[in-house]
């Protein structure tokens, strides 16, 4: 499976979440099931180097190897 980053907009807040899925559409649908009221703004493959330099809220506590 590939790791994707999904951008969401919940009310007036934005979030970027990381999820493993077979393709981008499945990653977006999984996030939509968990957050039905959210708007999906983007889905992209996770970029280990870029995500390490500019970590998302959920990834700041994780140590990437």
PDB file of N, CA and C in Angstrom:
ATOM      1  N   UNK A   1       0.834  -1.187   0.000  1.00  0.00           N
ATOM      2  CA  UNK A   1       0.000   0.000   0.000  1.00  0.00           C
ATOM      3  C   UNK A   1       0.877   1.250   0.000  1.00  0.00           C
ATOM      4  N   UNK A   2       0.329   2.319  -0.479  1.00  0.00           N
ATOM      5  CA  UNK A   2       1.024   3.600  -0.584  1.00  0.00           C
ATOM      6  C   UNK A   2       0.455   4.548   0.463  1.00  0.00           C
ATOM      7  N   UNK A   3       1.296   5.422   0.987  1.00  0.00           N
ATOM      8  CA  UNK A   3       0.851   6.406   1.966  1.00  0.00           C
ATOM      9  C   UNK A   3       0.446   7.686   1.238  1.00  0.00           C
ATOM     10  N   UNK A   4      -0.758   8.181   1.535  1.00  0.00           N
ATOM     11  CA  UNK A   4      -1.280   9.406   0.935  1.00  0.00           C
ATOM     12  C   UNK A   4      -1.547  10.439   2.015  1.00  0.00           C
ATOM     13  N   UNK A   5      -1.435  11.695   1.647  1.00  0.00           N
ATOM     14  CA  UNK A   5      -1.820  12.795   2.521  1.00  0.00           C
ATOM     15  C   UNK A   5      -3.116  13.363   1.970  1.00  0.00           C
ATOM     16  N   UNK A   6      -4.117  13.480   2.829  1.00  0.00           N
ATOM     17  CA  UNK A   6      -5.434  13.975   2.435  1.00  0.00           C
ATOM     18  C   UNK A   6      -5.680  15.289   3.165  1.00  0.00           C
ATOM     19  N   UNK A   7      -5.991  16.327   2.412  1.00  0.00           N
ATOM     20  CA  UNK A   7      -6.319  17.621   3.001  1.00  0.00           C
ATOM     21  C   UNK A   7      -7.819  17.742   3.178  1.00  0.00           C
ATOM     22  N   UNK A   8      -8.236  18.143   4.369  1.00  0.00           N
ATOM     23  CA  UNK A   8      -9.656  18.284   4.692  1.00  0.00           C
ATOM     24  C   UNK A   8      -9.948  19.681   5.195  1.00  0.00           C
ATOM     25  N   UNK A   9     -11.180  20.107   5.002  1.00  0.00           N
ATOM     26  CA  UNK A   9     -11.649  21.355   5.585  1.00  0.00           C
ATOM     27  C   UNK A   9     -12.873  21.028   6.429  1.00  0.00           C
ATOM     28  N   UNK A  10     -12.747  21.206   7.745  1.00  0.00           N
ATOM     29  CA  UNK A  10     -13.829  20.959   8.696  1.00  0.00           C
ATOM     30  C   UNK A  10     -14.263  22.299   9.264  1.00  0.00           C
ATOM     31  N   UNK A  11     -15.484  22.701   8.982  1.00  0.00           N
ATOM     32  CA  UNK A  11     -15.995  24.012   9.403  1.00  0.00           C
ATOM     33  C   UNK A  11     -15.031  25.085   8.893  1.00  0.00           C
ATOM     34  N   UNK A  12     -14.317  25.762   9.792  1.00  0.00           N
ATOM     35  CA  UNK A  12     -13.373  26.802   9.361  1.00  0.00           C
ATOM     36  C   UNK A  12     -11.924  26.385   9.561  1.00  0.00           C
ATOM     37  N   UNK A  13     -11.703  25.122   9.887  1.00  0.00           N
ATOM     38  CA  UNK A  13     -10.346  24.629  10.131  1.00  0.00           C
ATOM     39  C   UNK A  13      -9.923  23.685   9.013  1.00  0.00           C
ATOM     40  N   UNK A  14      -8.638  23.673   8.735  1.00  0.00           N
ATOM     41  CA  UNK A  14      -8.095  22.735   7.753  1.00  0.00           C
ATOM     42  C   UNK A  14      -7.230  21.707   8.473  1.00  0.00           C
ATOM     43  N   UNK A  15      -7.169  20.527   7.899  1.00  0.00           N
ATOM     44  CA  UNK A  15      -6.386  19.429   8.451  1.00  0.00           C
ATOM     45  C   UNK A  15      -5.727  18.683   7.316  1.00  0.00           C
ATOM     46  N   UNK A  16      -4.565  18.127   7.602  1.00  0.00           N
ATOM     47  CA  UNK A  16      -3.907  17.227   6.659  1.00  0.00           C
ATOM     48  C   UNK A  16      -3.657  15.924   7.398  1.00  0.00           C
ATOM     49  N   UNK A  17      -4.213  14.843   6.888  1.00  0.00           N
ATOM     50  CA  UNK A  17      -4.092  13.538   7.526  1.00  0.00           C
ATOM     51  C   UNK A  17      -3.370  12.577   6.596  1.00  0.00           C
ATOM     52  N   UNK A  18      -2.650  11.655   7.173  1.00  0.00           N
ATOM     53  CA  UNK A  18      -1.913  10.663   6.403  1.00  0.00           C
ATOM     54  C   UNK A  18      -2.595   9.312   6.556  1.00  0.00           C
ATOM     55  N   UNK A  19      -2.762   8.616   5.431  1.00  0.00           N
ATOM     56  CA  UNK A  19      -3.453   7.326   5.443  1.00  0.00           C
ATOM     57  C   UNK A  19      -2.814   6.410   4.406  1.00  0.00           C
ATOM     58  N   UNK A  20      -2.836   5.118   4.684  1.00  0.00           N
ATOM     59  CA  UNK A  20      -2.359   4.130   3.714  1.00  0.00           C
ATOM     60  C   UNK A  20      -3.553   3.595   2.936  1.00  0.00           C
ATOM     61  N   UNK A  21      -3.411   3.556   1.614  1.00  0.00           N
ATOM     62  CA  UNK A  21      -4.486   3.058   0.759  1.00  0.00           C
ATOM     63  C   UNK A  21      -3.884   2.547  -0.547  1.00  0.00           C
ATOM     64  N   UNK A  22      -4.708   1.850  -1.307  1.00  0.00           N
ATOM     65  CA  UNK A  22      -4.254   1.303  -2.584  1.00  0.00           C
ATOM     66  C   UNK A  22      -4.133   2.379  -3.659  1.00  0.00           C
ATOM     67  N   UNK A  23      -5.020   3.378  -3.632  1.00  0.00           N
ATOM     68  CA  UNK A  23      -4.910   4.493  -4.562  1.00  0.00           C
ATOM     69  C   UNK A  23      -5.512   5.749  -3.936  1.00  0.00           C
ATOM     70  N   UNK A  24      -5.391   6.870  -4.636  1.00  0.00           N
ATOM     71  CA  UNK A  24      -5.803   8.163  -4.092  1.00  0.00           C
ATOM     72  C   UNK A  24      -7.311   8.238  -3.852  1.00  0.00           C
ATOM     73  N   UNK A  25      -8.094   7.658  -4.727  1.00  0.00           N
ATOM     74  CA  UNK A  25      -9.544   7.690  -4.561  1.00  0.00           C
ATOM     75  C   UNK A  25      -9.962   6.965  -3.287  1.00  0.00           C
ATOM     76  N   UNK A  26      -9.382   5.803  -3.031  1.00  0.00           N
ATOM     77  CA  UNK A  26      -9.709   5.064  -1.809  1.00  0.00           C
ATOM     78  C   UNK A  26      -9.277   5.835  -0.566  1.00  0.00           C
ATOM     79  N   UNK A  27      -8.150   6.518  -0.626  1.00  0.00           N
ATOM     80  CA  UNK A  27      -7.703   7.326   0.512  1.00  0.00           C
ATOM     81  C   UNK A  27      -8.713   8.434   0.797  1.00  0.00           C
ATOM     82  N   UNK A  28      -9.191   9.101  -0.249  1.00  0.00           N
ATOM     83  CA  UNK A  28     -10.176  10.170  -0.074  1.00  0.00           C
ATOM     84  C   UNK A  28     -11.493   9.624   0.471  1.00  0.00           C
ATOM     85  N   UNK A  29     -11.928   8.484  -0.033  1.00  0.00           N
ATOM     86  CA  UNK A  29     -13.188   7.905   0.436  1.00  0.00           C
ATOM     87  C   UNK A  29     -13.102   7.439   1.884  1.00  0.00           C
ATOM     88  N   UNK A  30     -11.959   6.901   2.290  1.00  0.00           N
ATOM     89  CA  UNK A  30     -11.782   6.496   3.688  1.00  0.00           C
ATOM     90  C   UNK A  30     -11.895   7.699   4.613  1.00  0.00           C
ATOM     91  N   UNK A  31     -11.299   8.818   4.228  1.00  0.00           N
ATOM     92  CA  UNK A  31     -11.378  10.030   5.048  1.00  0.00           C
ATOM     93  C   UNK A  31     -12.801  10.576   5.068  1.00  0.00           C
ATOM     94  N   UNK A  32     -13.489  10.483   3.954  1.00  0.00           N
ATOM     95  CA  UNK A  32     -14.866  10.975   3.878  1.00  0.00           C
ATOM     96  C   UNK A  32     -15.787  10.135   4.763  1.00  0.00           C
ATOM     97  N   UNK A  33     -15.535   8.829   4.857  1.00  0.00           N
ATOM     98  CA  UNK A  33     -16.330   7.977   5.742  1.00  0.00           C
ATOM     99  C   UNK A  33     -16.123   8.349   7.210  1.00  0.00           C
ATOM    100  N   UNK A  34     -14.888   8.675   7.573  1.00  0.00           N
ATOM    101  CA  UNK A  34     -14.590   9.052   8.955  1.00  0.00           C
ATOM    102  C   UNK A  34     -15.093  10.452   9.289  1.00  0.00           C
ATOM    103  N   UNK A  35     -15.120  11.345   8.292  1.00  0.00           N
ATOM    104  CA  UNK A  35     -15.525  12.739   8.488  1.00  0.00           C
ATOM    105  C   UNK A  35     -16.518  13.139   7.400  1.00  0.00           C
ATOM    106  N   UNK A  36     -17.781  12.696   7.484  1.00  0.00           N
ATOM    107  CA  UNK A  36     -18.724  12.947   6.387  1.00  0.00           C
ATOM    108  C   UNK A  36     -19.017  14.426   6.133  1.00  0.00           C
ATOM    109  N   UNK A  37     -18.865  15.277   7.128  1.00  0.00           N
ATOM    110  CA  UNK A  37     -19.159  16.699   6.951  1.00  0.00           C
ATOM    111  C   UNK A  37     -17.976  17.474   6.367  1.00  0.00           C
ATOM    112  N   UNK A  38     -16.824  16.840   6.233  1.00  0.00           N
ATOM    113  CA  UNK A  38     -15.615  17.515   5.766  1.00  0.00           C
ATOM    114  C   UNK A  38     -15.586  17.637   4.242  1.00  0.00           C
ATOM    115  N   UNK A  39     -14.916  18.688   3.780  1.00  0.00           N
ATOM    116  CA  UNK A  39     -14.632  18.859   2.358  1.00  0.00           C
ATOM    117  C   UNK A  39     -13.213  18.377   2.105  1.00  0.00           C
ATOM    118  N   UNK A  40     -13.030  17.551   1.107  1.00  0.00           N
ATOM    119  CA  UNK A  40     -11.689  17.082   0.764  1.00  0.00           C
ATOM    120  C   UNK A  40     -11.089  18.091  -0.204  1.00  0.00           C
ATOM    121  N   UNK A  41      -9.965  18.680   0.183  1.00  0.00           N
ATOM    122  CA  UNK A  41      -9.353  19.713  -0.645  1.00  0.00           C
ATOM    123  C   UNK A  41      -8.268  19.167  -1.568  1.00  0.00           C
ATOM    124  N   UNK A  42      -7.552  18.130  -1.123  1.00  0.00           N
ATOM    125  CA  UNK A  42      -6.541  17.521  -1.984  1.00  0.00           C
ATOM    126  C   UNK A  42      -6.180  16.131  -1.487  1.00  0.00           C
ATOM    127  N   UNK A  43      -5.615  15.338  -2.382  1.00  0.00           N
ATOM    128  CA  UNK A  43      -5.048  14.026  -2.053  1.00  0.00           C
ATOM    129  C   UNK A  43      -3.753  13.927  -2.843  1.00  0.00           C
ATOM    130  N   UNK A  44      -2.676  13.585  -2.155  1.00  0.00           N
ATOM    131  CA  UNK A  44      -1.390  13.428  -2.834  1.00  0.00           C
ATOM    132  C   UNK A  44      -0.588  12.326  -2.159  1.00  0.00           C
ATOM    133  N   UNK A  45       0.373  11.786  -2.871  1.00  0.00           N
ATOM    134  CA  UNK A  45       1.271  10.811  -2.265  1.00  0.00           C
ATOM    135  C   UNK A  45       2.097  11.532  -1.212  1.00  0.00           C
ATOM    136  N   UNK A  46       2.315  10.864  -0.099  1.00  0.00           N
ATOM    137  CA  UNK A  46       3.134  11.459   0.952  1.00  0.00           C
ATOM    138  C   UNK A  46       4.564  11.604   0.458  1.00  0.00           C
ATOM    139  N   UNK A  47       5.145  12.732   0.771  1.00  0.00           N
ATOM    140  CA  UNK A  47       6.513  13.041   0.394  1.00  0.00           C
ATOM    141  C   UNK A  47       7.337  12.998   1.672  1.00  0.00           C
ATOM    142  N   UNK A  48       8.104  11.934   1.867  1.00  0.00           N
ATOM    143  CA  UNK A  48       8.824  11.753   3.134  1.00  0.00           C
ATOM    144  C   UNK A  48       9.728  12.936   3.443  1.00  0.00           C
ATOM    145  N   UNK A  49      10.447  13.435   2.457  1.00  0.00           N
ATOM    146  CA  UNK A  49      11.368  14.543   2.711  1.00  0.00           C
ATOM    147  C   UNK A  49      10.607  15.827   3.025  1.00  0.00           C
ATOM    148  N   UNK A  50       9.618  16.143   2.227  1.00  0.00           N
ATOM    149  CA  UNK A  50       8.842  17.360   2.453  1.00  0.00           C
ATOM    150  C   UNK A  50       8.020  17.301   3.724  1.00  0.00           C
ATOM    151  N   UNK A  51       7.441  16.140   4.020  1.00  0.00           N
ATOM    152  CA  UNK A  51       6.639  16.003   5.234  1.00  0.00           C
ATOM    153  C   UNK A  51       7.513  16.059   6.481  1.00  0.00           C
ATOM    154  N   UNK A  52       8.768  15.643   6.371  1.00  0.00           N
ATOM    155  CA  UNK A  52       9.673  15.714   7.511  1.00  0.00           C
ATOM    156  C   UNK A  52      10.059  17.170   7.790  1.00  0.00           C
ATOM    157  N   UNK A  53      10.206  17.965   6.731  1.00  0.00           N
ATOM    158  CA  UNK A  53      10.571  19.374   6.911  1.00  0.00           C
ATOM    159  C   UNK A  53       9.394  20.216   7.393  1.00  0.00           C
ATOM    160  N   UNK A  54       8.206  19.903   6.919  1.00  0.00           N
ATOM    161  CA  UNK A  54       6.997  20.655   7.270  1.00  0.00           C
ATOM    162  C   UNK A  54       5.940  19.668   7.749  1.00  0.00           C
ATOM    163  N   UNK A  55       6.093  19.135   8.961  1.00  0.00           N
ATOM    164  CA  UNK A  55       5.185  18.068   9.414  1.00  0.00           C
ATOM    165  C   UNK A  55       3.763  18.560   9.649  1.00  0.00           C
ATOM    166  N   UNK A  56       2.812  17.664   9.411  1.00  0.00           N
ATOM    167  CA  UNK A  56       1.419  17.933   9.712  1.00  0.00           C
ATOM    168  C   UNK A  56       1.204  17.709  11.198  1.00  0.00           C
ATOM    169  N   UNK A  57       0.110  18.210  11.744  1.00  0.00           N
ATOM    170  CA  UNK A  57      -0.167  18.074  13.174  1.00  0.00           C
ATOM    171  C   UNK A  57      -0.090  16.629  13.635  1.00  0.00           C
ATOM    172  N   UNK A  58      -0.686  15.718  12.895  1.00  0.00           N
ATOM    173  CA  UNK A  58      -0.719  14.313  13.297  1.00  0.00           C
ATOM    174  C   UNK A  58       0.659  13.663  13.205  1.00  0.00           C
ATOM    175  N   UNK A  59       1.519  14.192  12.360  1.00  0.00           N
ATOM    176  CA  UNK A  59       2.820  13.576  12.154  1.00  0.00           C
ATOM    177  C   UNK A  59       3.899  14.146  13.069  1.00  0.00           C
ATOM    178  N   UNK A  60       3.644  15.267  13.738  1.00  0.00           N
ATOM    179  CA  UNK A  60       4.672  15.878  14.558  1.00  0.00           C
ATOM    180  C   UNK A  60       5.085  14.990  15.718  1.00  0.00           C
ATOM    181  N   UNK A  61       4.161  14.194  16.244  1.00  0.00           N
ATOM    182  CA  UNK A  61       4.492  13.316  17.357  1.00  0.00           C
ATOM    183  C   UNK A  61       5.171  12.030  16.894  1.00  0.00           C
ATOM    184  N   UNK A  62       5.002  11.659  15.611  1.00  0.00           N
ATOM    185  CA  UNK A  62       5.625  10.451  15.067  1.00  0.00           C
ATOM    186  C   UNK A  62       7.061  10.751  14.653  1.00  0.00           C
ATOM    187  N   UNK A  63       7.919   9.777  14.792  1.00  0.00           N
ATOM    188  CA  UNK A  63       9.280   9.905  14.298  1.00  0.00           C
ATOM    189  C   UNK A  63       9.370   9.165  12.979  1.00  0.00           C
ATOM    190  N   UNK A  64       9.723   9.877  11.920  1.00  0.00           N
ATOM    191  CA  UNK A  64       9.811   9.257  10.600  1.00  0.00           C
ATOM    192  C   UNK A  64      11.224   8.736  10.388  1.00  0.00           C
ATOM    193  N   UNK A  65      11.322   7.569   9.790  1.00  0.00           N
ATOM    194  CA  UNK A  65      12.638   6.977   9.534  1.00  0.00           C
ATOM    195  C   UNK A  65      13.007   7.084   8.090  1.00  0.00           C
TER     196      UNK A  65
END
